[in-house]
PDB file of N, CA and C in Angstrom:
ATOM      1  N   MET A   1     -15.325  94.156 -13.805  1.00  0.00           N
ATOM      2  CA  MET A   1     -14.903  94.756 -15.040  1.00  0.00           C
ATOM      3  C   MET A   1     -16.120  95.030 -15.907  1.00  0.00           C
ATOM      4  N   GLN A   2     -16.213  96.268 -16.351  1.00  0.00           N
ATOM      5  CA  GLN A   2     -17.286  96.662 -17.233  1.00  0.00           C
ATOM      6  C   GLN A   2     -16.784  97.597 -18.333  1.00  0.00           C
ATOM      7  N   TYR A   3     -17.223  97.351 -19.551  1.00  0.00           N
ATOM      8  CA  TYR A   3     -16.808  98.225 -20.660  1.00  0.00           C
ATOM      9  C   TYR A   3     -18.088  98.759 -21.276  1.00  0.00           C
ATOM     10  N   GLU A   4     -18.019 100.020 -21.742  1.00  0.00           N
ATOM     11  CA  GLU A   4     -19.161 100.638 -22.360  1.00  0.00           C
ATOM     12  C   GLU A   4     -18.753 101.553 -23.519  1.00  0.00           C
ATOM     13  N   GLN A   5     -19.534 101.477 -24.603  1.00  0.00           N
ATOM     14  CA  GLN A   5     -19.186 102.279 -25.770  1.00  0.00           C
ATOM     15  C   GLN A   5     -20.442 103.067 -26.167  1.00  0.00           C
ATOM     16  N   VAL A   6     -20.239 104.338 -26.440  1.00  0.00           N
ATOM     17  CA  VAL A   6     -21.351 105.176 -26.874  1.00  0.00           C
ATOM     18  C   VAL A   6     -21.483 105.113 -28.416  1.00  0.00           C
ATOM     19  N   ALA A   7     -22.673 104.939 -28.908  1.00  0.00           N
ATOM     20  CA  ALA A   7     -22.936 104.786 -30.329  1.00  0.00           C
ATOM     21  C   ALA A   7     -23.040 106.154 -31.020  1.00  0.00           C
ATOM     22  N   LEU A   8     -23.153 106.104 -32.328  1.00  0.00           N
ATOM     23  CA  LEU A   8     -23.308 107.344 -33.081  1.00  0.00           C
ATOM     24  C   LEU A   8     -24.633 108.027 -32.687  1.00  0.00           C
ATOM     25  N   THR A   9     -24.739 109.342 -32.849  1.00  0.00           N
ATOM     26  CA  THR A   9     -25.963 110.075 -32.463  1.00  0.00           C
ATOM     27  C   THR A   9     -27.082 109.754 -33.452  1.00  0.00           C
ATOM     28  N   GLU A  10     -28.328 109.866 -32.924  1.00  0.00           N
ATOM     29  CA  GLU A  10     -29.501 109.635 -33.739  1.00  0.00           C
ATOM     30  C   GLU A  10     -30.517 110.770 -33.383  1.00  0.00           C
ATOM     31  N   PRO A  11     -31.368 111.110 -34.324  1.00  0.00           N
ATOM     32  CA  PRO A  11     -32.416 112.131 -34.002  1.00  0.00           C
ATOM     33  C   PRO A  11     -33.293 111.660 -32.861  1.00  0.00           C
ATOM     34  N   LYS A  12     -33.599 112.572 -31.932  1.00  0.00           N
ATOM     35  CA  LYS A  12     -34.519 112.357 -30.761  1.00  0.00           C
ATOM     36  C   LYS A  12     -33.902 111.354 -29.780  1.00  0.00           C
ATOM     37  N   VAL A  13     -32.682 111.016 -29.866  1.00  0.00           N
ATOM     38  CA  VAL A  13     -32.079 110.073 -28.909  1.00  0.00           C
ATOM     39  C   VAL A  13     -30.927 110.817 -28.212  1.00  0.00           C
ATOM     40  N   ILE A  14     -30.947 110.871 -26.894  1.00  0.00           N
ATOM     41  CA  ILE A  14     -29.945 111.544 -26.130  1.00  0.00           C
ATOM     42  C   ILE A  14     -28.599 110.784 -26.225  1.00  0.00           C
ATOM     43  N   GLU A  15     -28.666 109.445 -25.961  1.00  0.00           N
ATOM     44  CA  GLU A  15     -27.495 108.615 -25.964  1.00  0.00           C
ATOM     45  C   GLU A  15     -27.831 107.163 -26.161  1.00  0.00           C
ATOM     46  N   SER A  16     -27.037 106.444 -26.952  1.00  0.00           N
ATOM     47  CA  SER A  16     -27.184 104.999 -27.136  1.00  0.00           C
ATOM     48  C   SER A  16     -25.851 104.382 -26.713  1.00  0.00           C
ATOM     49  N   THR A  17     -25.931 103.374 -25.917  1.00  0.00           N
ATOM     50  CA  THR A  17     -24.709 102.701 -25.406  1.00  0.00           C
ATOM     51  C   THR A  17     -24.787 101.173 -25.555  1.00  0.00           C
ATOM     52  N   LEU A  18     -23.609 100.572 -25.663  1.00  0.00           N
ATOM     53  CA  LEU A  18     -23.535  99.099 -25.632  1.00  0.00           C
ATOM     54  C   LEU A  18     -22.459  98.781 -24.562  1.00  0.00           C
ATOM     55  N   GLY A  19     -22.813  97.951 -23.582  1.00  0.00           N
ATOM     56  CA  GLY A  19     -21.911  97.615 -22.516  1.00  0.00           C
ATOM     57  C   GLY A  19     -21.707  96.142 -22.318  1.00  0.00           C
ATOM     58  N   ILE A  20     -20.591  95.812 -21.816  1.00  0.00           N
ATOM     59  CA  ILE A  20     -20.277  94.346 -21.495  1.00  0.00           C
ATOM     60  C   ILE A  20     -19.729  94.334 -20.088  1.00  0.00           C
ATOM     61  N   ALA A  21     -20.361  93.489 -19.272  1.00  0.00           N
ATOM     62  CA  ALA A  21     -19.995  93.392 -17.873  1.00  0.00           C
ATOM     63  C   ALA A  21     -19.662  91.894 -17.476  1.00  0.00           C
ATOM     64  N   ASP A  22     -18.608  91.749 -16.773  1.00  0.00           N
ATOM     65  CA  ASP A  22     -18.211  90.371 -16.250  1.00  0.00           C
ATOM     66  C   ASP A  22     -19.015  90.138 -14.960  1.00  0.00           C
ATOM     67  N   ASN A  23     -19.809  89.094 -14.956  1.00  0.00           N
ATOM     68  CA  ASN A  23     -20.604  88.717 -13.805  1.00  0.00           C
ATOM     69  C   ASN A  23     -19.856  87.943 -12.721  1.00  0.00           C
ATOM     70  N   HIS A  24     -18.605  87.629 -12.976  1.00  0.00           N
ATOM     71  CA  HIS A  24     -17.691  86.920 -12.031  1.00  0.00           C
ATOM     72  C   HIS A  24     -18.218  85.475 -11.711  1.00  0.00           C
ATOM     73  N   ASP A  25     -19.046  84.981 -12.544  1.00  0.00           N
ATOM     74  CA  ASP A  25     -19.475  83.584 -12.330  1.00  0.00           C
ATOM     75  C   ASP A  25     -19.296  82.766 -13.607  1.00  0.00           C
ATOM     76  N   GLY A  26     -18.497  83.256 -14.499  1.00  0.00           N
ATOM     77  CA  GLY A  26     -18.240  82.610 -15.795  1.00  0.00           C
ATOM     78  C   GLY A  26     -19.136  83.109 -16.904  1.00  0.00           C
ATOM     79  N   THR A  27     -20.055  84.071 -16.613  1.00  0.00           N
ATOM     80  CA  THR A  27     -20.880  84.566 -17.615  1.00  0.00           C
ATOM     81  C   THR A  27     -20.659  86.131 -17.717  1.00  0.00           C
ATOM     82  N   TYR A  28     -21.190  86.654 -18.872  1.00  0.00           N
ATOM     83  CA  TYR A  28     -21.055  88.062 -19.144  1.00  0.00           C
ATOM     84  C   TYR A  28     -22.413  88.597 -19.572  1.00  0.00           C
ATOM     85  N   THR A  29     -22.697  89.824 -19.195  1.00  0.00           N
ATOM     86  CA  THR A  29     -23.939  90.483 -19.586  1.00  0.00           C
ATOM     87  C   THR A  29     -23.658  91.565 -20.561  1.00  0.00           C
ATOM     88  N   VAL A  30     -24.354  91.470 -21.763  1.00  0.00           N
ATOM     89  CA  VAL A  30     -24.245  92.504 -22.791  1.00  0.00           C
ATOM     90  C   VAL A  30     -25.524  93.335 -22.690  1.00  0.00           C
ATOM     91  N   THR A  31     -25.386  94.619 -22.591  1.00  0.00           N
ATOM     92  CA  THR A  31     -26.539  95.558 -22.380  1.00  0.00           C
ATOM     93  C   THR A  31     -26.508  96.601 -23.435  1.00  0.00           C
ATOM     94  N   ALA A  32     -27.618  96.760 -24.139  1.00  0.00           N
ATOM     95  CA  ALA A  32     -27.825  97.897 -25.081  1.00  0.00           C
ATOM     96  C   ALA A  32     -28.865  98.796 -24.493  1.00  0.00           C
ATOM     97  N   ALA A  33     -28.592 100.132 -24.512  1.00  0.00           N
ATOM     98  CA  ALA A  33     -29.570 101.056 -23.908  1.00  0.00           C
ATOM     99  C   ALA A  33     -29.681 102.290 -24.818  1.00  0.00           C
ATOM    100  N   LYS A  34     -30.909 102.852 -24.866  1.00  0.00           N
ATOM    101  CA  LYS A  34     -31.175 104.049 -25.598  1.00  0.00           C
ATOM    102  C   LYS A  34     -31.887 104.991 -24.698  1.00  0.00           C
ATOM    103  N   GLN A  35     -31.466 106.221 -24.584  1.00  0.00           N
ATOM    104  CA  GLN A  35     -32.091 107.255 -23.767  1.00  0.00           C
ATOM    105  C   GLN A  35     -32.755 108.242 -24.739  1.00  0.00           C
ATOM    106  N   PHE A  36     -34.054 108.403 -24.613  1.00  0.00           N
ATOM    107  CA  PHE A  36     -34.795 109.287 -25.475  1.00  0.00           C
ATOM    108  C   PHE A  36     -35.059 110.571 -24.758  1.00  0.00           C
ATOM    109  N   THR A  37     -35.392 111.618 -25.520  1.00  0.00           N
ATOM    110  CA  THR A  37     -35.669 112.918 -24.941  1.00  0.00           C
ATOM    111  C   THR A  37     -37.014 112.956 -24.220  1.00  0.00           C
ATOM    112  N   ARG A  38     -38.029 112.350 -24.789  1.00  0.00           N
ATOM    113  CA  ARG A  38     -39.370 112.436 -24.229  1.00  0.00           C
ATOM    114  C   ARG A  38     -40.054 111.129 -24.039  1.00  0.00           C
ATOM    115  N   LYS A  39     -39.382 110.040 -24.177  1.00  0.00           N
ATOM    116  CA  LYS A  39     -39.986 108.718 -24.038  1.00  0.00           C
ATOM    117  C   LYS A  39     -39.216 107.984 -22.967  1.00  0.00           C
ATOM    118  N   ASN A  40     -39.753 106.774 -22.515  1.00  0.00           N
ATOM    119  CA  ASN A  40     -39.080 105.916 -21.616  1.00  0.00           C
ATOM    120  C   ASN A  40     -37.859 105.332 -22.296  1.00  0.00           C
ATOM    121  N   ASP A  41     -36.776 105.169 -21.452  1.00  0.00           N
ATOM    122  CA  ASP A  41     -35.575 104.572 -22.011  1.00  0.00           C
ATOM    123  C   ASP A  41     -35.823 103.120 -22.403  1.00  0.00           C
ATOM    124  N   GLN A  42     -35.090 102.668 -23.367  1.00  0.00           N
ATOM    125  CA  GLN A  42     -35.141 101.223 -23.742  1.00  0.00           C
ATOM    126  C   GLN A  42     -33.771 100.557 -23.356  1.00  0.00           C
ATOM    127  N   VAL A  43     -33.926  99.480 -22.629  1.00  0.00           N
ATOM    128  CA  VAL A  43     -32.775  98.708 -22.180  1.00  0.00           C
ATOM    129  C   VAL A  43     -32.978  97.217 -22.513  1.00  0.00           C
ATOM    130  N   LEU A  44     -31.953  96.583 -23.064  1.00  0.00           N
ATOM    131  CA  LEU A  44     -32.048  95.190 -23.412  1.00  0.00           C
ATOM    132  C   LEU A  44     -30.755  94.565 -22.902  1.00  0.00           C
ATOM    133  N   SER A  45     -30.846  93.534 -22.027  1.00  0.00           N
ATOM    134  CA  SER A  45     -29.723  92.825 -21.486  1.00  0.00           C
ATOM    135  C   SER A  45     -29.783  91.344 -21.859  1.00  0.00           C
ATOM    136  N   MET A  46     -28.611  90.781 -22.222  1.00  0.00           N
ATOM    137  CA  MET A  46     -28.522  89.368 -22.529  1.00  0.00           C
ATOM    138  C   MET A  46     -27.315  88.782 -21.836  1.00  0.00           C
ATOM    139  N   LYS A  47     -27.460  87.607 -21.347  1.00  0.00           N
ATOM    140  CA  LYS A  47     -26.387  86.923 -20.640  1.00  0.00           C
ATOM    141  C   LYS A  47     -25.713  85.838 -21.536  1.00  0.00           C
ATOM    142  N   PHE A  48     -24.414  85.865 -21.577  1.00  0.00           N
ATOM    143  CA  PHE A  48     -23.669  84.915 -22.406  1.00  0.00           C
ATOM    144  C   PHE A  48     -22.588  84.215 -21.583  1.00  0.00           C
ATOM    145  N   THR A  49     -22.296  82.932 -21.977  1.00  0.00           N
ATOM    146  CA  THR A  49     -21.126  82.285 -21.403  1.00  0.00           C
ATOM    147  C   THR A  49     -19.903  82.878 -22.070  1.00  0.00           C
ATOM    148  N   LYS A  50     -18.715  82.520 -21.603  1.00  0.00           N
ATOM    149  CA  LYS A  50     -17.461  83.049 -22.226  1.00  0.00           C
ATOM    150  C   LYS A  50     -17.416  82.587 -23.646  1.00  0.00           C
ATOM    151  N   ASN A  51     -17.777  81.354 -23.959  1.00  0.00           N
ATOM    152  CA  ASN A  51     -17.687  80.879 -25.350  1.00  0.00           C
ATOM    153  C   ASN A  51     -18.730  81.656 -26.219  1.00  0.00           C
ATOM    154  N   GLY A  52     -19.894  81.946 -25.677  1.00  0.00           N
ATOM    155  CA  GLY A  52     -20.884  82.690 -26.409  1.00  0.00           C
ATOM    156  C   GLY A  52     -20.381  84.060 -26.737  1.00  0.00           C
ATOM    157  N   LEU A  53     -19.720  84.708 -25.759  1.00  0.00           N
ATOM    158  CA  LEU A  53     -19.176  86.101 -25.963  1.00  0.00           C
ATOM    159  C   LEU A  53     -18.032  85.997 -27.001  1.00  0.00           C
ATOM    160  N   VAL A  54     -17.291  84.974 -26.998  1.00  0.00           N
ATOM    161  CA  VAL A  54     -16.171  84.780 -28.055  1.00  0.00           C
ATOM    162  C   VAL A  54     -16.803  84.727 -29.407  1.00  0.00           C
ATOM    163  N   VAL A  55     -17.856  83.933 -29.521  1.00  0.00           N
ATOM    164  CA  VAL A  55     -18.508  83.794 -30.789  1.00  0.00           C
ATOM    165  C   VAL A  55     -19.106  85.149 -31.289  1.00  0.00           C
ATOM    166  N   LEU A  56     -19.743  85.883 -30.388  1.00  0.00           N
ATOM    167  CA  LEU A  56     -20.308  87.189 -30.694  1.00  0.00           C
ATOM    168  C   LEU A  56     -19.205  88.157 -31.140  1.00  0.00           C
ATOM    169  N   THR A  57     -18.133  88.193 -30.475  1.00  0.00           N
ATOM    170  CA  THR A  57     -17.033  89.126 -30.899  1.00  0.00           C
ATOM    171  C   THR A  57     -16.411  88.638 -32.217  1.00  0.00           C
ATOM    172  N   GLY A  58     -16.417  87.340 -32.427  1.00  0.00           N
ATOM    173  CA  GLY A  58     -15.986  86.819 -33.711  1.00  0.00           C
ATOM    174  C   GLY A  58     -16.814  87.291 -34.908  1.00  0.00           C
ATOM    175  N   TYR A  59     -18.152  87.274 -34.688  1.00  0.00           N
ATOM    176  CA  TYR A  59     -19.051  87.804 -35.677  1.00  0.00           C
ATOM    177  C   TYR A  59     -18.760  89.255 -35.957  1.00  0.00           C
ATOM    178  N   LEU A  60     -18.566  90.093 -34.885  1.00  0.00           N
ATOM    179  CA  LEU A  60     -18.305  91.516 -35.074  1.00  0.00           C
ATOM    180  C   LEU A  60     -17.039  91.726 -35.855  1.00  0.00           C
ATOM    181  N   ARG A  61     -15.990  90.982 -35.547  1.00  0.00           N
ATOM    182  CA  ARG A  61     -14.718  91.037 -36.271  1.00  0.00           C
ATOM    183  C   ARG A  61     -14.904  90.717 -37.766  1.00  0.00           C
ATOM    184  N   MET A  62     -15.651  89.599 -38.008  1.00  0.00           N
ATOM    185  CA  MET A  62     -15.902  89.182 -39.390  1.00  0.00           C
ATOM    186  C   MET A  62     -16.607  90.253 -40.187  1.00  0.00           C
ATOM    187  N   ILE A  63     -17.650  90.871 -39.573  1.00  0.00           N
ATOM    188  CA  ILE A  63     -18.433  91.921 -40.274  1.00  0.00           C
ATOM    189  C   ILE A  63     -17.543  93.103 -40.607  1.00  0.00           C
ATOM    190  N   THR A  64     -16.676  93.508 -39.662  1.00  0.00           N
ATOM    191  CA  THR A  64     -15.881  94.729 -39.891  1.00  0.00           C
ATOM    192  C   THR A  64     -14.740  94.503 -40.836  1.00  0.00           C
ATOM    193  N   GLU A  65     -14.265  93.289 -40.935  1.00  0.00           N
ATOM    194  CA  GLU A  65     -13.103  92.945 -41.831  1.00  0.00           C
ATOM    195  C   GLU A  65     -13.582  92.856 -43.302  1.00  0.00           C
ATOM    196  N   THR A  66     -14.825  92.536 -43.550  1.00  0.00           N
ATOM    197  CA  THR A  66     -15.299  92.379 -44.930  1.00  0.00           C
ATOM    198  C   THR A  66     -15.660  93.718 -45.555  1.00  0.00           C
ATOM    199  N   GLU A  67     -15.773  94.760 -44.811  1.00  0.00           N
ATOM    200  CA  GLU A  67     -16.120  96.081 -45.356  1.00  0.00           C
ATOM    201  C   GLU A  67     -14.910  96.837 -45.893  1.00  0.00           C
TER     202      GLU A  67
END
């Protein structure tokens, strides 16, 4: 199972994405990627336990509810 969301557009950036993948070993990988027009792509991946992912999504919910 893998989910991916495309972010808002930015100047000189082809596409920015945030993805979450189930590693099927009790961990999840969160990956942020930026594709540039004339530069090397930037990719950052972080591995979380299920509890860590729950905390991360809780932070996101808290941020969006206060606005």
